[in-house]
């Protein structure tokens, strides 16, 4: 049973109006609210972009895990486009009962969708209704969006009533859908992933390059064009930079690029046969990475300034140690993969290399650790006694070392990366010879494939 969740909703300006008298939304007994999202319509040039709008709005709300989306086949036939479309039905007096006090007249459902009770009654049985319309005006796409609490009367039902503006094209339609969905999620205590990006490695051009995409898999775009091997992407905390490892100069070296515009920021690589990207520190001023420098073998954990200067070793083990990830909350400790006890396992240590401890129990192989934004949990890949290389995704409480398995076979599952909301995870799944990027909720549900062209791997989620 889930604990009750309390959310406090506040007004966010003149166009965002909170009408409900009670601003606390309570979800108890493991239930989640049901929301009806009928297809929106547009006028004039706006209509041609409504399929993209409707797809994006429903997908964003569903992916949040905060709601049950009412099936469109269960929705009433009439869909309101604005509050004035609701028509209050005539009250029906209750049948007289001998010896009892007369009951108040009731408002029956109209049966067609012209009254709020049509949406809260079977078959829809929604708790909330999102509705509105779009119009193209003077070259601008305008969305008018509302969310109603169907348990209230019309005077108090409105939770959101807002106007959104964008360009009159598919990108604009998706933008206002993302923005409307973001306001809905915020209302219920969620965090929108709109504006975040997933970086990954793809060979769809014939070479492994760094690519980026939106959280729903849209707008996939190429970042590097080295026509060589570029992989192991990592993103700065503010999302303005991406670092990665490339073989374009012969030996694997680290590069740091700005994202917008895409530009090489020139990173100095210390003399080594291997320099492999790991992660940024929470302040974005340092890079922690794996390098063979000073040993002639791979690898130890190092830290350096953002331009590669001031490098210094952190770990001193004679074993192979790679994939360092700095705690995003504290910046004081690092998780990494090490072979110091045999097959690779996930370890933790302080930023200065002290207090080393093994987190995984030593059964099978474990790697690819990724910090949750709260700095208390990690996601990682582990064979846990399966055959060699048969990885699945797990999460672990670092303090207690208690773990939960999220994927169960169905290919090889690797390289988990937490979304900034701490609710979603991106990872790579290999089925047969095909490796693709997927996302899921942190309980292993709502699996969604984002890529399909070429081989795609090593996703990392950033702002």
Protein backbone atom coordinates (compact mmCIF):
# COMPACT_ATOMS: atom_id res chain seq x y z
CA UNK A 1 0.00 0.00 0.00
CA UNK A 2 1.33 3.41 -0.95
CA UNK A 3 1.40 6.15 1.63
CA UNK A 4 -0.97 9.07 1.10
CA UNK A 5 0.53 11.72 -1.17
CA UNK A 6 -0.26 15.36 -0.48
CA UNK A 7 0.22 18.02 -3.11
CA UNK A 8 -0.25 21.76 -2.60
CA UNK A 9 -1.26 23.75 -5.68
CA UNK A 10 -0.78 27.52 -5.99
CA UNK A 11 -1.73 30.15 -8.56
CA UNK A 12 0.93 30.90 -11.16
CA UNK A 13 -0.31 34.18 -12.63
CA UNK A 14 -3.36 35.61 -14.27
CA UNK A 15 -3.60 32.97 -16.98
CA UNK A 16 -3.16 30.05 -14.56
CA UNK A 17 -6.22 30.10 -12.31
CA UNK A 18 -6.83 27.76 -9.39
CA UNK A 19 -10.56 27.55 -8.73
CA UNK A 20 -10.78 24.62 -6.34
CA UNK A 21 -11.63 25.49 -2.74
CA UNK A 22 -9.51 22.66 -1.38
CA UNK A 23 -6.03 22.81 -2.93
CA UNK A 24 -4.91 19.48 -1.52
CA UNK A 25 -5.10 16.49 -3.82
CA UNK A 26 -4.96 13.20 -1.95
CA UNK A 27 -4.20 9.82 -3.43
CA UNK A 28 -4.65 6.92 -1.02
CA UNK A 29 -4.89 3.17 -0.89
CA UNK A 30 -2.51 2.69 -3.80
CA UNK A 31 -4.93 4.32 -6.24
CA UNK A 32 -4.11 6.95 -8.81
CA UNK A 33 -6.58 9.44 -10.31
CA UNK A 34 -8.16 8.81 -13.69
CA UNK A 35 -7.94 11.63 -16.21
CA UNK A 36 -9.87 11.90 -19.46
CA UNK A 37 -7.96 13.50 -22.34
CA UNK A 38 -10.23 13.56 -25.41
CA UNK A 39 -8.72 14.57 -28.73
CA UNK A 40 -8.44 18.33 -29.07
CA UNK A 41 -9.54 20.02 -32.29
CA UNK A 42 -8.12 23.02 -34.08
CA UNK A 43 -9.54 25.63 -36.42
CA UNK A 44 -8.11 26.55 -39.80
CA UNK A 45 -4.43 25.73 -40.31
CA UNK A 46 -4.12 24.48 -36.73
CA UNK A 47 -6.19 21.33 -37.36
CA UNK A 48 -3.57 19.61 -39.53
CA UNK A 49 -1.17 19.57 -36.58
CA UNK A 50 -3.62 18.22 -34.02
CA UNK A 51 -2.63 14.55 -34.39
CA UNK A 52 0.90 15.49 -33.25
CA UNK A 53 -0.55 17.60 -30.43
CA UNK A 54 -2.90 14.90 -29.16
CA UNK A 55 -0.24 12.20 -29.35
CA UNK A 56 2.24 14.34 -27.38
CA UNK A 57 -0.20 15.46 -24.68
CA UNK A 58 -1.47 11.96 -23.94
CA UNK A 59 2.03 10.46 -24.02
CA UNK A 60 3.47 13.03 -21.60
CA UNK A 61 0.66 12.61 -19.06
CA UNK A 62 0.71 8.83 -19.32
CA UNK A 63 4.50 8.61 -19.00
CA UNK A 64 4.42 10.51 -15.72
CA UNK A 65 2.94 7.53 -13.89
CA UNK A 66 0.68 9.92 -11.95
CA UNK A 67 -2.55 9.06 -13.74
CA UNK A 68 -4.68 6.38 -15.23
CA UNK A 69 -5.59 7.59 -18.73
CA UNK A 70 -9.23 6.83 -19.54
CA UNK A 71 -9.52 4.90 -22.80
CA UNK A 72 -10.86 7.05 -25.62
CA UNK A 73 -13.42 4.32 -26.40
CA UNK A 74 -14.99 4.99 -22.99
CA UNK A 75 -15.35 8.74 -23.48
CA UNK A 76 -18.65 10.53 -24.24
CA UNK A 77 -19.35 11.43 -27.86
CA UNK A 78 -19.53 15.19 -27.29
CA UNK A 79 -16.22 16.84 -26.37
CA UNK A 80 -16.29 20.34 -24.87
CA UNK A 81 -13.78 22.78 -26.29
CA UNK A 82 -14.33 25.51 -23.71
CA UNK A 83 -16.21 25.83 -20.39
CA UNK A 84 -19.24 27.46 -22.03
CA UNK A 85 -19.85 24.20 -23.93
CA UNK A 86 -21.08 22.56 -20.73
CA UNK A 87 -24.88 22.62 -20.42
CA UNK A 88 -26.35 22.19 -16.99
CA UNK A 89 -29.18 19.61 -17.13
CA UNK A 90 -32.51 20.22 -15.45
CA UNK A 91 -32.67 18.88 -11.87
CA UNK A 92 -34.71 15.73 -11.32
CA UNK A 93 -36.73 15.52 -8.14
CA UNK A 94 -36.35 12.35 -6.12
CA UNK A 95 -39.42 10.12 -5.84
CA UNK A 96 -41.38 10.83 -2.64
CA UNK A 97 -40.91 8.34 0.17
CA UNK A 98 -43.60 7.94 2.85
CA UNK A 99 -42.45 9.03 6.26
CA UNK A 100 -39.10 10.38 5.14
CA UNK A 101 -37.72 13.87 4.57
CA UNK A 102 -37.88 14.88 0.86
CA UNK A 103 -34.52 14.54 -0.89
CA UNK A 104 -32.80 17.33 -2.80
CA UNK A 105 -33.20 17.30 -6.59
CA UNK A 106 -30.24 15.73 -8.40
CA UNK A 107 -28.49 16.59 -11.66
CA UNK A 108 -28.51 13.52 -13.89
CA UNK A 109 -25.88 12.89 -16.54
CA UNK A 110 -26.99 14.00 -19.98
CA UNK A 111 -25.34 10.93 -21.47
CA UNK A 112 -23.57 12.77 -24.26
CA UNK A 113 -20.70 14.66 -22.67
CA UNK A 114 -22.33 18.06 -22.29
CA UNK A 115 -22.18 17.92 -18.52
CA UNK A 116 -19.35 17.12 -16.12
CA UNK A 117 -21.15 14.12 -14.64
CA UNK A 118 -21.11 12.51 -18.09
CA UNK A 119 -17.33 12.27 -17.68
CA UNK A 120 -17.25 11.14 -14.06
CA UNK A 121 -19.98 8.51 -14.50
CA UNK A 122 -19.55 5.11 -16.20
CA UNK A 123 -18.13 4.21 -18.60
CA UNK A 124 -15.52 7.00 -18.41
CA UNK A 125 -15.41 7.30 -14.60
CA UNK A 126 -12.80 10.05 -14.78
CA UNK A 127 -11.71 12.16 -11.82
CA UNK A 128 -10.31 14.91 -14.01
CA UNK A 129 -10.91 16.20 -17.53
CA UNK A 130 -8.42 18.00 -19.79
CA UNK A 131 -10.01 19.82 -22.72
CA UNK A 132 -9.54 22.81 -24.99
CA UNK A 133 -8.84 23.83 -28.57
CA UNK A 134 -6.22 25.42 -30.83
CA UNK A 135 -6.47 28.17 -33.40
CA UNK A 136 -4.01 29.76 -35.81
CA UNK A 137 -4.06 33.55 -35.42
CA UNK A 138 -1.71 35.92 -37.28
CA UNK A 139 0.87 33.19 -37.80
CA UNK A 140 0.74 32.03 -34.16
CA UNK A 141 -0.63 28.72 -32.86
CA UNK A 142 -2.77 29.43 -29.80
CA UNK A 143 -3.81 26.68 -27.40
CA UNK A 144 -6.54 27.29 -24.83
CA UNK A 145 -6.32 24.49 -22.30
CA UNK A 146 -8.39 23.66 -19.23
CA UNK A 147 -8.31 20.98 -16.55
CA UNK A 148 -11.45 20.37 -14.47
CA UNK A 149 -11.88 18.51 -11.20
CA UNK A 150 -15.03 16.52 -11.93
CA UNK A 151 -15.88 16.14 -8.25
CA UNK A 152 -16.59 19.87 -7.99
CA UNK A 153 -19.41 22.01 -9.28
CA UNK A 154 -18.78 24.28 -12.25
CA UNK A 155 -17.95 27.29 -10.09
CA UNK A 156 -15.05 25.47 -8.43
CA UNK A 157 -14.06 22.80 -10.95
CA UNK A 158 -11.37 24.67 -12.88
CA UNK A 159 -7.80 23.79 -11.87
CA UNK A 160 -6.08 25.09 -14.99
CA UNK A 161 -7.20 27.65 -17.51
CA UNK A 162 -4.30 28.89 -19.59
CA UNK A 163 -3.24 30.11 -23.03
CA UNK A 164 -0.12 28.75 -24.76
CA UNK A 165 1.58 30.16 -27.87
CA UNK A 166 3.87 28.58 -30.47
CA UNK A 167 4.63 28.44 -34.18
CA UNK A 168 2.02 27.10 -36.61
CA UNK A 169 3.71 23.81 -37.45
CA UNK A 170 4.15 20.34 -35.99
CA UNK A 171 7.01 21.48 -33.74
CA UNK A 172 4.78 24.23 -32.36
CA UNK A 173 1.91 21.82 -31.76
CA UNK A 174 4.20 19.48 -29.85
CA UNK A 175 5.64 22.41 -27.87
CA UNK A 176 2.28 23.64 -26.54
CA UNK A 177 1.26 20.03 -25.80
CA UNK A 178 4.45 19.58 -23.75
CA UNK A 179 3.81 22.85 -21.91
CA UNK A 180 0.18 22.03 -21.12
CA UNK A 181 1.18 18.55 -19.93
CA UNK A 182 3.93 20.10 -17.78
CA UNK A 183 1.35 22.27 -16.01
CA UNK A 184 -0.88 19.25 -15.42
CA UNK A 185 1.99 17.28 -13.89
CA UNK A 186 3.07 20.22 -11.73
CA UNK A 187 -0.49 20.50 -10.42
CA UNK A 188 -0.23 16.94 -9.11
CA UNK A 189 3.27 17.26 -7.67
CA UNK A 190 5.06 15.77 -10.69
CA UNK A 191 7.96 17.13 -12.70
CA UNK A 192 7.83 17.47 -16.47
CA UNK A 193 10.69 16.11 -18.55
CA UNK A 194 9.98 18.67 -21.26
CA UNK A 195 13.25 20.44 -22.10
CA UNK A 196 15.46 17.57 -20.94
CA UNK A 197 17.46 15.46 -23.41
CA UNK A 198 18.82 11.95 -23.73
CA UNK A 199 22.29 11.64 -25.24
CA UNK A 200 23.36 8.31 -26.68
CA UNK A 201 25.70 6.55 -29.09
CA UNK A 202 24.38 5.55 -32.51
CA UNK A 203 26.01 3.98 -35.58
CA UNK A 204 23.15 4.82 -37.98
CA UNK A 205 25.51 6.90 -40.17
CA UNK A 206 28.02 4.07 -40.50
CA UNK A 207 30.16 5.35 -37.59
CA UNK A 208 29.54 5.53 -33.86
CA UNK A 209 28.62 9.14 -33.12
CA UNK A 210 27.00 11.02 -30.23
CA UNK A 211 23.33 11.82 -30.76
CA UNK A 212 20.64 13.57 -28.73
CA UNK A 213 16.84 13.28 -28.58
CA UNK A 214 13.87 14.51 -26.59
CA UNK A 215 12.56 12.30 -23.74
CA UNK A 216 9.82 10.88 -25.97
CA UNK A 217 12.30 9.91 -28.71
CA UNK A 218 11.38 12.83 -30.98
CA UNK A 219 13.83 15.26 -32.57
CA UNK A 220 16.76 12.84 -32.83
CA UNK A 221 19.81 14.80 -33.96
CA UNK A 222 23.52 14.18 -34.48
CA UNK A 223 26.03 15.94 -32.20
CA UNK A 224 29.42 14.68 -33.44
CA UNK A 225 30.51 14.18 -37.02
CA UNK A 226 33.94 12.65 -36.61
CA UNK A 227 33.27 9.65 -38.87
CA UNK A 228 35.01 7.57 -36.25
CA UNK A 229 34.15 5.97 -32.88
CA UNK A 230 32.65 8.39 -30.34
CA UNK A 231 30.90 6.98 -27.27
CA UNK A 232 30.56 7.15 -23.44
CA UNK A 233 28.57 10.43 -23.39
CA UNK A 234 28.07 12.37 -20.16
CA UNK A 235 26.16 15.60 -19.56
CA UNK A 236 26.97 18.59 -17.37
CA UNK A 237 24.53 19.31 -14.53
CA UNK A 238 23.10 22.37 -16.29
CA UNK A 239 22.77 20.51 -19.60
CA UNK A 240 24.96 23.01 -21.47
CA UNK A 241 27.84 20.61 -22.16
CA UNK A 242 28.33 17.02 -23.22
CA UNK A 243 31.60 15.13 -22.79
CA UNK A 244 32.46 11.85 -24.45
CA UNK A 245 35.27 9.57 -25.55
CA UNK A 246 36.41 9.49 -29.17
CA UNK A 247 39.02 7.55 -31.14
CA UNK A 248 39.23 10.26 -33.84
CA UNK A 249 42.86 11.04 -32.89
CA UNK A 250 43.90 7.39 -32.77
CA UNK A 251 43.76 6.63 -29.06
CA UNK A 252 40.62 7.09 -26.95
CA UNK A 253 40.53 10.68 -25.69
CA UNK A 254 37.99 12.88 -23.93
CA UNK A 255 36.20 15.73 -25.71
CA UNK A 256 33.94 18.38 -24.19
CA UNK A 257 31.38 20.08 -26.45
CA UNK A 258 28.90 22.86 -25.80
CA UNK A 259 25.39 21.78 -26.76
CA UNK A 260 23.84 24.97 -28.13
CA UNK A 261 25.58 25.79 -30.31
CA UNK A 262 27.50 22.54 -30.80
CA UNK A 263 31.14 23.53 -30.40
CA UNK A 264 34.39 21.83 -29.33
CA UNK A 265 35.53 23.43 -26.06
CA UNK A 266 39.02 21.92 -26.27
CA UNK A 267 39.82 19.48 -23.50
CA UNK A 268 43.45 18.68 -22.66
CA UNK A 269 44.07 14.93 -22.41
CA UNK A 270 46.98 13.78 -20.29
CA UNK A 271 49.38 11.42 -22.01
CA UNK A 272 47.77 7.98 -21.81
CA UNK A 273 46.72 5.09 -24.01
CA UNK A 274 43.15 5.47 -22.65
CA UNK A 275 41.21 8.48 -21.36
CA UNK A 276 37.55 7.57 -20.85
CA UNK A 277 34.76 9.98 -19.92
CA UNK A 278 32.97 9.43 -16.61
CA UNK A 279 30.95 12.31 -15.14
CA UNK A 280 30.91 15.98 -14.22
CA UNK A 281 31.00 17.20 -10.62
CA UNK A 282 27.74 18.81 -9.41
CA UNK A 283 29.16 22.34 -9.84
CA UNK A 284 30.09 21.52 -13.45
CA UNK A 285 33.68 22.67 -12.91
CA UNK A 286 35.47 19.30 -12.95
CA UNK A 287 35.43 16.05 -14.87
CA UNK A 288 35.97 12.66 -13.22
CA UNK A 289 37.18 9.97 -15.62
CA UNK A 290 39.16 6.76 -16.09
CA UNK A 291 42.69 6.82 -17.48
CA UNK A 292 45.69 4.57 -18.00
CA UNK A 293 48.04 7.48 -17.28
CA UNK A 294 51.06 6.60 -15.18
CA UNK A 295 50.43 2.87 -15.24
CA UNK A 296 50.44 1.80 -18.88
CA UNK A 297 47.30 -0.19 -18.23
CA UNK A 298 43.60 0.56 -17.97
CA UNK A 299 42.56 2.15 -15.71
CA UNK A 300 42.48 4.33 -12.58
CA UNK A 301 40.01 7.05 -11.59
CA UNK A 302 41.17 10.65 -12.12
CA UNK A 303 39.70 14.14 -11.71
CA UNK A 304 40.58 17.23 -13.74
CA UNK A 305 39.40 20.75 -14.40
CA UNK A 306 36.79 21.32 -17.08
CA UNK A 307 39.53 21.98 -19.65
CA UNK A 308 41.55 18.89 -18.65
CA UNK A 309 44.21 20.71 -16.64
CA UNK A 310 45.00 20.03 -12.99
CA UNK A 311 44.45 16.31 -13.36
CA UNK A 312 45.10 14.09 -10.37
CA UNK A 313 44.54 10.40 -9.54
CA UNK A 314 41.82 9.46 -7.07
CA UNK A 315 42.00 5.67 -6.93
CA UNK A 316 45.22 3.67 -6.58
CA UNK A 317 44.13 0.07 -7.04
CA UNK A 318 46.05 -2.17 -9.44
CA UNK A 319 42.72 -3.47 -10.78
CA UNK A 320 40.74 -2.06 -13.70
CA UNK A 321 38.50 0.76 -12.44
CA UNK A 322 36.17 2.63 -14.78
CA UNK A 323 32.74 4.37 -15.05
CA UNK A 324 33.14 6.89 -12.19
CA UNK A 325 29.95 8.82 -11.33
CA UNK A 326 29.99 11.66 -8.79
CA UNK A 327 27.11 11.96 -6.33
CA UNK A 328 24.98 14.77 -7.86
CA UNK A 329 23.58 15.83 -4.50
CA UNK A 330 26.69 16.02 -2.34
CA UNK A 331 29.67 15.88 -4.70
CA UNK A 332 31.49 14.02 -1.91
CA UNK A 333 31.48 10.43 -3.13
CA UNK A 334 31.84 8.41 -6.32
CA UNK A 335 30.42 5.11 -7.50
CA UNK A 336 32.48 3.17 -10.03
CA UNK A 337 33.10 -0.26 -11.51
CA UNK A 338 36.13 -2.18 -10.28
CA UNK A 339 37.67 -5.60 -10.66
CA UNK A 340 39.65 -5.40 -7.42
CA UNK A 341 37.70 -8.34 -5.92
CA UNK A 342 37.44 -10.44 -9.10
CA UNK A 343 34.65 -9.98 -11.67
CA UNK A 344 33.61 -6.33 -11.98
CA UNK A 345 31.45 -4.99 -9.16
CA UNK A 346 30.05 -1.61 -8.18
CA UNK A 347 32.03 0.26 -5.50
CA UNK A 348 31.72 3.56 -3.68
CA UNK A 349 34.49 5.82 -2.38
CA UNK A 350 34.98 9.35 -1.13
CA UNK A 351 36.07 12.03 -3.56
CA UNK A 352 39.62 11.81 -2.23
CA UNK A 353 39.78 8.05 -2.78
CA UNK A 354 39.24 7.02 0.85
CA UNK A 355 36.48 4.95 2.45
CA UNK A 356 36.25 2.44 -0.39
CA UNK A 357 33.41 -0.05 -0.06
CA UNK A 358 31.84 -2.62 -2.36
CA UNK A 359 28.11 -2.09 -2.88
CA UNK A 360 27.18 -5.18 -4.90
CA UNK A 361 27.60 -8.57 -3.18
CA UNK A 362 30.15 -10.08 -5.57
CA UNK A 363 27.80 -12.51 -7.33
CA UNK A 364 28.12 -12.32 -11.11
CA UNK A 365 29.12 -9.03 -12.77
CA UNK A 366 27.87 -5.55 -11.88
CA UNK A 367 28.58 -2.23 -13.60
CA UNK A 368 27.11 0.96 -15.16
CA UNK A 369 26.13 2.62 -11.87
CA UNK A 370 24.09 5.84 -12.14
CA UNK A 371 23.12 8.12 -9.25
CA UNK A 372 19.52 9.04 -8.54
CA UNK A 373 19.14 12.86 -8.32
CA UNK A 374 18.58 12.52 -4.56
CA UNK A 375 22.11 11.12 -4.12
CA UNK A 376 20.84 8.20 -2.04
CA UNK A 377 20.13 5.53 -4.65
CA UNK A 378 21.76 4.16 -7.76
CA UNK A 379 20.63 2.21 -10.80
CA UNK A 380 23.06 -0.33 -12.22
CA UNK A 381 23.38 -3.37 -14.48
CA UNK A 382 23.96 -6.78 -12.88
CA UNK A 383 24.00 -10.39 -14.01
CA UNK A 384 23.17 -11.58 -10.46
CA UNK A 385 24.09 -15.15 -11.23
CA UNK A 386 22.72 -15.21 -14.76
CA UNK A 387 25.05 -16.30 -17.56
CA UNK A 388 28.03 -14.04 -18.30
CA UNK A 389 26.91 -10.79 -19.94
CA UNK A 390 23.18 -11.36 -19.29
CA UNK A 391 22.63 -8.05 -17.53
CA UNK A 392 19.44 -6.69 -15.99
CA UNK A 393 18.68 -3.30 -14.46
CA UNK A 394 18.53 -2.95 -10.67
CA UNK A 395 18.22 -0.08 -8.22
CA UNK A 396 19.89 0.07 -4.81
CA UNK A 397 19.69 2.13 -1.65
CA UNK A 398 23.38 2.93 -1.14
CA UNK A 399 23.11 3.22 2.65
CA UNK A 400 21.33 -0.10 3.23
CA UNK A 401 22.49 -1.94 0.07
CA UNK A 402 18.92 -3.16 -0.44
CA UNK A 403 18.21 -3.66 -4.13
CA UNK A 404 15.23 -4.11 -6.47
CA UNK A 405 15.27 -5.79 -9.89
CA UNK A 406 13.49 -3.81 -12.62
CA UNK A 407 14.05 -5.86 -15.78
CA UNK A 408 13.84 -9.62 -16.04
CA UNK A 409 15.64 -11.06 -19.03
CA UNK A 410 14.13 -10.34 -22.46
CA UNK A 411 17.56 -9.48 -23.80
CA UNK A 412 20.56 -7.74 -22.27
CA UNK A 413 19.72 -4.58 -20.31
CA UNK A 414 22.54 -2.13 -19.58
CA UNK A 415 23.63 1.46 -18.95
CA UNK A 416 20.74 2.80 -16.88
CA UNK A 417 20.56 6.58 -16.46
CA UNK A 418 18.13 8.40 -14.17
CA UNK A 419 15.99 11.19 -15.56
CA UNK A 420 16.15 14.56 -13.76
CA UNK A 421 12.71 13.82 -12.26
CA UNK A 422 14.05 10.73 -10.46
CA UNK A 423 11.01 8.80 -11.70
CA UNK A 424 12.17 7.57 -15.12
CA UNK A 425 15.20 5.59 -16.27
CA UNK A 426 16.73 5.38 -19.74
CA UNK A 427 18.70 2.27 -20.64
CA UNK A 428 19.92 0.17 -23.55
CA UNK A 429 18.28 -3.15 -24.36
CA UNK A 430 19.91 -5.68 -26.69
CA UNK A 431 17.69 -8.28 -28.30
CA UNK A 432 19.54 -10.59 -30.63
CA UNK A 433 21.79 -8.30 -32.65
CA UNK A 434 19.79 -5.12 -32.12
CA UNK A 435 20.60 -2.63 -29.36
CA UNK A 436 18.09 0.19 -28.78
CA UNK A 437 17.41 2.88 -26.20
CA UNK A 438 14.35 2.49 -23.97
CA UNK A 439 12.81 4.31 -21.04
CA UNK A 440 10.74 3.01 -18.13
CA UNK A 441 9.38 4.12 -14.81
CA UNK A 442 11.63 3.40 -11.85
CA UNK A 443 9.41 0.47 -10.88
CA UNK A 444 10.11 -1.23 -14.22
CA UNK A 445 6.73 -0.44 -15.81
CA UNK A 446 5.75 1.64 -18.86
CA UNK A 447 8.55 0.37 -21.08
CA UNK A 448 8.95 2.56 -24.16
CA UNK A 449 11.34 2.09 -27.09
CA UNK A 450 12.78 5.39 -28.34
CA UNK A 451 15.22 4.41 -31.11
CA UNK A 452 15.06 2.03 -34.06
CA UNK A 453 17.61 3.14 -36.69
CA UNK A 454 20.98 1.41 -36.43
CA UNK A 455 22.54 0.29 -33.16
CA UNK A 456 21.94 2.63 -30.22
CA UNK A 457 23.49 2.37 -26.78
CA UNK A 458 24.85 4.11 -23.66
CA UNK A 459 22.05 6.63 -23.00
CA UNK A 460 22.56 9.38 -20.46
CA UNK A 461 19.74 11.70 -19.39
CA UNK A 462 20.46 15.38 -18.85
CA UNK A 463 18.78 18.73 -18.69
